[in-house]
PDB file of N, CA and C in Angstrom:
ATOM      1  N   UNK A   1      18.353  47.924 -90.319  1.00  0.00           N
ATOM      2  CA  UNK A   1      17.567  48.660 -89.356  1.00  0.00           C
ATOM      3  C   UNK A   1      16.111  48.213 -89.434  1.00  0.00           C
ATOM      4  N   UNK A   2      15.486  48.071 -88.300  1.00  0.00           N
ATOM      5  CA  UNK A   2      14.069  47.734 -88.342  1.00  0.00           C
ATOM      6  C   UNK A   2      13.235  49.026 -88.424  1.00  0.00           C
ATOM      7  N   UNK A   3      11.941  48.861 -88.543  1.00  0.00           N
ATOM      8  CA  UNK A   3      11.062  50.017 -88.758  1.00  0.00           C
ATOM      9  C   UNK A   3      11.120  51.025 -87.611  1.00  0.00           C
ATOM     10  N   UNK A   4      11.194  50.521 -86.401  1.00  0.00           N
ATOM     11  CA  UNK A   4      11.245  51.433 -85.250  1.00  0.00           C
ATOM     12  C   UNK A   4      12.541  52.229 -85.232  1.00  0.00           C
ATOM     13  N   UNK A   5      13.644  51.585 -85.572  1.00  0.00           N
ATOM     14  CA  UNK A   5      14.924  52.298 -85.643  1.00  0.00           C
ATOM     15  C   UNK A   5      14.869  53.391 -86.708  1.00  0.00           C
ATOM     16  N   UNK A   6      14.283  53.053 -87.852  1.00  0.00           N
ATOM     17  CA  UNK A   6      14.156  54.036 -88.927  1.00  0.00           C
ATOM     18  C   UNK A   6      13.298  55.223 -88.486  1.00  0.00           C
ATOM     19  N   UNK A   7      12.179  54.930 -87.847  1.00  0.00           N
ATOM     20  CA  UNK A   7      11.289  55.997 -87.378  1.00  0.00           C
ATOM     21  C   UNK A   7      12.002  56.902 -86.380  1.00  0.00           C
ATOM     22  N   UNK A   8      12.686  56.287 -85.434  1.00  0.00           N
ATOM     23  CA  UNK A   8      13.390  57.054 -84.420  1.00  0.00           C
ATOM     24  C   UNK A   8      14.502  57.900 -85.048  1.00  0.00           C
ATOM     25  N   UNK A   9      15.244  57.309 -85.953  1.00  0.00           N
ATOM     26  CA  UNK A   9      16.322  58.049 -86.628  1.00  0.00           C
ATOM     27  C   UNK A   9      15.769  59.238 -87.392  1.00  0.00           C
ATOM     28  N   UNK A  10      14.690  59.009 -88.133  1.00  0.00           N
ATOM     29  CA  UNK A  10      14.072  60.101 -88.891  1.00  0.00           C
ATOM     30  C   UNK A  10      13.592  61.196 -87.952  1.00  0.00           C
ATOM     31  N   UNK A  11      12.990  60.798 -86.840  1.00  0.00           N
ATOM     32  CA  UNK A  11      12.468  61.769 -85.885  1.00  0.00           C
ATOM     33  C   UNK A  11      13.597  62.598 -85.279  1.00  0.00           C
ATOM     34  N   UNK A  12      14.676  61.938 -84.879  1.00  0.00           N
ATOM     35  CA  UNK A  12      15.802  62.641 -84.257  1.00  0.00           C
ATOM     36  C   UNK A  12      16.500  63.579 -85.246  1.00  0.00           C
ATOM     37  N   UNK A  13      16.726  63.100 -86.449  1.00  0.00           N
ATOM     38  CA  UNK A  13      17.390  63.931 -87.459  1.00  0.00           C
ATOM     39  C   UNK A  13      16.510  65.119 -87.830  1.00  0.00           C
ATOM     40  N   UNK A  14      15.233  64.867 -87.993  1.00  0.00           N
ATOM     41  CA  UNK A  14      14.297  65.936 -88.326  1.00  0.00           C
ATOM     42  C   UNK A  14      14.237  66.984 -87.219  1.00  0.00           C
ATOM     43  N   UNK A  15      14.210  66.531 -85.992  1.00  0.00           N
ATOM     44  CA  UNK A  15      14.170  67.432 -84.847  1.00  0.00           C
ATOM     45  C   UNK A  15      15.439  68.282 -84.790  1.00  0.00           C
ATOM     46  N   UNK A  16      16.589  67.659 -85.003  1.00  0.00           N
ATOM     47  CA  UNK A  16      17.858  68.387 -84.989  1.00  0.00           C
ATOM     48  C   UNK A  16      17.902  69.408 -86.124  1.00  0.00           C
ATOM     49  N   UNK A  17      17.420  69.016 -87.288  1.00  0.00           N
ATOM     50  CA  UNK A  17      17.390  69.911 -88.456  1.00  0.00           C
ATOM     51  C   UNK A  17      16.542  71.144 -88.154  1.00  0.00           C
ATOM     52  N   UNK A  18      15.392  70.949 -87.556  1.00  0.00           N
ATOM     53  CA  UNK A  18      14.512  72.073 -87.211  1.00  0.00           C
ATOM     54  C   UNK A  18      15.171  73.000 -86.187  1.00  0.00           C
ATOM     55  N   UNK A  19      15.832  72.410 -85.186  1.00  0.00           N
ATOM     56  CA  UNK A  19      16.521  73.225 -84.180  1.00  0.00           C
ATOM     57  C   UNK A  19      17.626  74.056 -84.809  1.00  0.00           C
ATOM     58  N   UNK A  20      18.368  73.453 -85.717  1.00  0.00           N
ATOM     59  CA  UNK A  20      19.456  74.154 -86.392  1.00  0.00           C
ATOM     60  C   UNK A  20      18.910  75.297 -87.257  1.00  0.00           C
ATOM     61  N   UNK A  21      17.851  75.025 -87.988  1.00  0.00           N
ATOM     62  CA  UNK A  21      17.233  76.077 -88.805  1.00  0.00           C
ATOM     63  C   UNK A  21      16.726  77.220 -87.925  1.00  0.00           C
ATOM     64  N   UNK A  22      16.132  76.872 -86.796  1.00  0.00           N
ATOM     65  CA  UNK A  22      15.625  77.885 -85.870  1.00  0.00           C
ATOM     66  C   UNK A  22      16.762  78.729 -85.314  1.00  0.00           C
ATOM     67  N   UNK A  23      17.863  78.062 -84.970  1.00  0.00           N
ATOM     68  CA  UNK A  23      19.019  78.785 -84.441  1.00  0.00           C
ATOM     69  C   UNK A  23      19.583  79.753 -85.482  1.00  0.00           C
ATOM     70  N   UNK A  24      19.692  79.299 -86.713  1.00  0.00           N
ATOM     71  CA  UNK A  24      20.188  80.177 -87.790  1.00  0.00           C
ATOM     72  C   UNK A  24      19.238  81.353 -87.974  1.00  0.00           C
ATOM     73  N   UNK A  25      17.936  81.071 -87.956  1.00  0.00           N
ATOM     74  CA  UNK A  25      16.932  82.122 -88.116  1.00  0.00           C
ATOM     75  C   UNK A  25      17.044  83.156 -86.988  1.00  0.00           C
ATOM     76  N   UNK A  26      17.134  82.675 -85.752  1.00  0.00           N
ATOM     77  CA  UNK A  26      17.204  83.595 -84.617  1.00  0.00           C
ATOM     78  C   UNK A  26      18.462  84.458 -84.656  1.00  0.00           C
ATOM     79  N   UNK A  27      19.575  83.868 -85.015  1.00  0.00           N
ATOM     80  CA  UNK A  27      20.814  84.659 -85.122  1.00  0.00           C
ATOM     81  C   UNK A  27      20.719  85.669 -86.255  1.00  0.00           C
ATOM     82  N   UNK A  28      20.092  85.253 -87.347  1.00  0.00           N
ATOM     83  CA  UNK A  28      19.919  86.167 -88.482  1.00  0.00           C
ATOM     84  C   UNK A  28      19.048  87.354 -88.086  1.00  0.00           C
ATOM     85  N   UNK A  29      18.009  87.083 -87.292  1.00  0.00           N
ATOM     86  CA  UNK A  29      17.127  88.161 -86.837  1.00  0.00           C
ATOM     87  C   UNK A  29      17.882  89.115 -85.913  1.00  0.00           C
ATOM     88  N   UNK A  30      18.705  88.567 -85.024  1.00  0.00           N
ATOM     89  CA  UNK A  30      19.490  89.414 -84.118  1.00  0.00           C
ATOM     90  C   UNK A  30      20.432  90.315 -84.901  1.00  0.00           C
ATOM     91  N   UNK A  31      20.989  89.756 -85.974  1.00  0.00           N
ATOM     92  CA  UNK A  31      21.929  90.521 -86.801  1.00  0.00           C
ATOM     93  C   UNK A  31      21.215  91.383 -87.847  1.00  0.00           C
ATOM     94  N   UNK A  32      19.880  91.291 -87.859  1.00  0.00           N
ATOM     95  CA  UNK A  32      19.036  92.052 -88.790  1.00  0.00           C
ATOM     96  C   UNK A  32      19.431  91.818 -90.240  1.00  0.00           C
ATOM     97  N   UNK A  33      19.647  90.551 -90.548  1.00  0.00           N
ATOM     98  CA  UNK A  33      19.988  90.174 -91.921  1.00  0.00           C
ATOM     99  C   UNK A  33      18.736  90.211 -92.793  1.00  0.00           C
ATOM    100  N   UNK A  34      18.908  90.525 -94.060  1.00  0.00           N
ATOM    101  CA  UNK A  34      17.764  90.443 -94.976  1.00  0.00           C
ATOM    102  C   UNK A  34      17.312  88.980 -95.127  1.00  0.00           C
ATOM    103  N   UNK A  35      16.036  88.795 -95.435  1.00  0.00           N
ATOM    104  CA  UNK A  35      15.492  87.443 -95.544  1.00  0.00           C
ATOM    105  C   UNK A  35      16.203  86.635 -96.633  1.00  0.00           C
ATOM    106  N   UNK A  36      16.567  87.285 -97.731  1.00  0.00           N
ATOM    107  CA  UNK A  36      17.258  86.560 -98.810  1.00  0.00           C
ATOM    108  C   UNK A  36      18.575  85.971 -98.316  1.00  0.00           C
ATOM    109  N   UNK A  37      19.285  86.717 -97.504  1.00  0.00           N
ATOM    110  CA  UNK A  37      20.568  86.250 -96.972  1.00  0.00           C
ATOM    111  C   UNK A  37      20.351  85.071 -96.029  1.00  0.00           C
ATOM    112  N   UNK A  38      19.330  85.174 -95.193  1.00  0.00           N
ATOM    113  CA  UNK A  38      18.997  84.089 -94.277  1.00  0.00           C
ATOM    114  C   UNK A  38      18.647  82.824 -95.059  1.00  0.00           C
ATOM    115  N   UNK A  39      17.833  82.962 -96.100  1.00  0.00           N
ATOM    116  CA  UNK A  39      17.451  81.808 -96.918  1.00  0.00           C
ATOM    117  C   UNK A  39      18.672  81.203 -97.615  1.00  0.00           C
ATOM    118  N   UNK A  40      19.570  82.062 -98.049  1.00  0.00           N
ATOM    119  CA  UNK A  40      20.806  81.595 -98.692  1.00  0.00           C
ATOM    120  C   UNK A  40      21.653  80.782 -97.707  1.00  0.00           C
ATOM    121  N   UNK A  41      21.740  81.263 -96.480  1.00  0.00           N
ATOM    122  CA  UNK A  41      22.509  80.555 -95.450  1.00  0.00           C
ATOM    123  C   UNK A  41      21.891  79.188 -95.194  1.00  0.00           C
ATOM    124  N   UNK A  42      20.567  79.139 -95.068  1.00  0.00           N
ATOM    125  CA  UNK A  42      19.857  77.878 -94.825  1.00  0.00           C
ATOM    126  C   UNK A  42      20.099  76.908 -95.983  1.00  0.00           C
ATOM    127  N   UNK A  43      19.989  77.400 -97.203  1.00  0.00           N
ATOM    128  CA  UNK A  43      20.112  76.536 -98.385  1.00  0.00           C
ATOM    129  C   UNK A  43      21.535  76.061 -98.640  1.00  0.00           C
ATOM    130  N   UNK A  44      22.525  76.800 -98.150  1.00  0.00           N
ATOM    131  CA  UNK A  44      23.921  76.458 -98.426  1.00  0.00           C
ATOM    132  C   UNK A  44      24.672  75.908 -97.216  1.00  0.00           C
ATOM    133  N   UNK A  45      23.975  75.721 -96.107  1.00  0.00           N
ATOM    134  CA  UNK A  45      24.612  75.209 -94.902  1.00  0.00           C
ATOM    135  C   UNK A  45      24.931  73.726 -95.084  1.00  0.00           C
ATOM    136  N   UNK A  46      26.219  73.392 -94.977  1.00  0.00           N
ATOM    137  CA  UNK A  46      26.655  72.008 -95.213  1.00  0.00           C
ATOM    138  C   UNK A  46      25.987  71.008 -94.279  1.00  0.00           C
ATOM    139  N   UNK A  47      25.832  71.391 -93.035  1.00  0.00           N
ATOM    140  CA  UNK A  47      25.225  70.471 -92.067  1.00  0.00           C
ATOM    141  C   UNK A  47      23.753  70.213 -92.403  1.00  0.00           C
ATOM    142  N   UNK A  48      23.044  71.269 -92.787  1.00  0.00           N
ATOM    143  CA  UNK A  48      21.635  71.096 -93.162  1.00  0.00           C
ATOM    144  C   UNK A  48      21.509  70.261 -94.440  1.00  0.00           C
ATOM    145  N   UNK A  49      22.418  70.461 -95.369  1.00  0.00           N
ATOM    146  CA  UNK A  49      22.415  69.671 -96.598  1.00  0.00           C
ATOM    147  C   UNK A  49      22.615  68.196 -96.267  1.00  0.00           C
ATOM    148  N   UNK A  50      23.552  67.914 -95.374  1.00  0.00           N
ATOM    149  CA  UNK A  50      23.809  66.532 -94.961  1.00  0.00           C
ATOM    150  C   UNK A  50      22.591  65.921 -94.265  1.00  0.00           C
ATOM    151  N   UNK A  51      21.939  66.712 -93.426  1.00  0.00           N
ATOM    152  CA  UNK A  51      20.755  66.215 -92.728  1.00  0.00           C
ATOM    153  C   UNK A  51      19.623  65.905 -93.710  1.00  0.00           C
ATOM    154  N   UNK A  52      19.449  66.764 -94.704  1.00  0.00           N
ATOM    155  CA  UNK A  52      18.413  66.522 -95.718  1.00  0.00           C
ATOM    156  C   UNK A  52      18.703  65.241 -96.493  1.00  0.00           C
ATOM    157  N   UNK A  53      19.971  65.035 -96.838  1.00  0.00           N
ATOM    158  CA  UNK A  53      20.361  63.804 -97.547  1.00  0.00           C
ATOM    159  C   UNK A  53      20.093  62.575 -96.684  1.00  0.00           C
ATOM    160  N   UNK A  54      20.442  62.676 -95.409  1.00  0.00           N
ATOM    161  CA  UNK A  54      20.230  61.549 -94.495  1.00  0.00           C
ATOM    162  C   UNK A  54      18.744  61.232 -94.381  1.00  0.00           C
ATOM    163  N   UNK A  55      17.913  62.259 -94.296  1.00  0.00           N
ATOM    164  CA  UNK A  55      16.462  62.038 -94.218  1.00  0.00           C
ATOM    165  C   UNK A  55      15.932  61.380 -95.488  1.00  0.00           C
ATOM    166  N   UNK A  56      16.439  61.801 -96.634  1.00  0.00           N
ATOM    167  CA  UNK A  56      16.019  61.182 -97.901  1.00  0.00           C
ATOM    168  C   UNK A  56      16.425  59.713 -97.954  1.00  0.00           C
ATOM    169  N   UNK A  57      17.639  59.416 -97.486  1.00  0.00           N
ATOM    170  CA  UNK A  57      18.104  58.024 -97.473  1.00  0.00           C
ATOM    171  C   UNK A  57      17.257  57.174 -96.541  1.00  0.00           C
ATOM    172  N   UNK A  58      16.940  57.711 -95.374  1.00  0.00           N
ATOM    173  CA  UNK A  58      16.103  56.973 -94.431  1.00  0.00           C
ATOM    174  C   UNK A  58      14.701  56.754 -95.000  1.00  0.00           C
ATOM    175  N   UNK A  59      14.191  57.750 -95.683  1.00  0.00           N
ATOM    176  CA  UNK A  59      12.870  57.626 -96.300  1.00  0.00           C
ATOM    177  C   UNK A  59      12.890  56.542 -97.376  1.00  0.00           C
ATOM    178  N   UNK A  60      13.938  56.533 -98.189  1.00  0.00           N
ATOM    179  CA  UNK A  60      14.061  55.512 -99.237  1.00  0.00           C
ATOM    180  C   UNK A  60      14.183  54.123 -98.612  1.00  0.00           C
ATOM    181  N   UNK A  61      14.968  54.023 -97.557  1.00  0.00           N
ATOM    182  CA  UNK A  61      15.136  52.740 -96.878  1.00  0.00           C
ATOM    183  C   UNK A  61      13.815  52.291 -96.257  1.00  0.00           C
ATOM    184  N   UNK A  62      13.094  53.239 -95.713  1.00  0.00           N
ATOM    185  CA  UNK A  62      11.787  52.942 -95.098  1.00  0.00           C
ATOM    186  C   UNK A  62      10.812  52.419 -96.152  1.00  0.00           C
ATOM    187  N   UNK A  63      10.817  53.060 -97.314  1.00  0.00           N
ATOM    188  CA  UNK A  63       9.927  52.629 -98.405  1.00  0.00           C
ATOM    189  C   UNK A  63      10.314  51.246 -98.914  1.00  0.00           C
ATOM    190  N   UNK A  64      11.619  50.999 -99.028  1.00  0.00           N
ATOM    191  CA  UNK A  64      12.052  49.689 -99.529  1.00  0.00           C
ATOM    192  C   UNK A  64      11.725  48.579 -98.537  1.00  0.00           C
ATOM    193  N   UNK A  65      11.775  48.886 -97.242  1.00  0.00           N
ATOM    194  CA  UNK A  65      11.424  47.882 -96.230  1.00  0.00           C
ATOM    195  C   UNK A  65       9.922  47.611 -96.207  1.00  0.00           C
ATOM    196  N   UNK A  66       9.138  48.630 -96.486  1.00  0.00           N
ATOM    197  CA  UNK A  66       7.694  48.428 -96.449  1.00  0.00           C
ATOM    198  C   UNK A  66       7.216  47.584 -97.654  1.00  0.00           C
ATOM    199  N   UNK A  67       8.022  47.535 -98.703  1.00  0.00           N
ATOM    200  CA  UNK A  67       7.688  46.717 -99.879  1.00  0.00           C
ATOM    201  C   UNK A  67       7.979  45.230 -99.630  1.00  0.00           C
ATOM    202  N   UNK A  68       8.876  44.963 -98.681  1.00  0.00           N
ATOM    203  CA  UNK A  68       9.295  43.583 -98.412  1.00  0.00           C
ATOM    204  C   UNK A  68       8.238  42.811 -97.683  1.00  0.00           C
TER     205      UNK A  68
END
């Protein structure tokens, strides 16, 4: 992947992650869940965990490319 592809991928994944977190937050508010429960859902959501891993991998790849 070139630098622009990496930037775009990071931007898209980050944007999707934020939308997903917002959606979980809004549903939690509608259901009047306690904040601890909402935070637990965010921290244990498999999709969010995968997105965080993908962002870390892209960041590592970006750093390794900038060293070249």
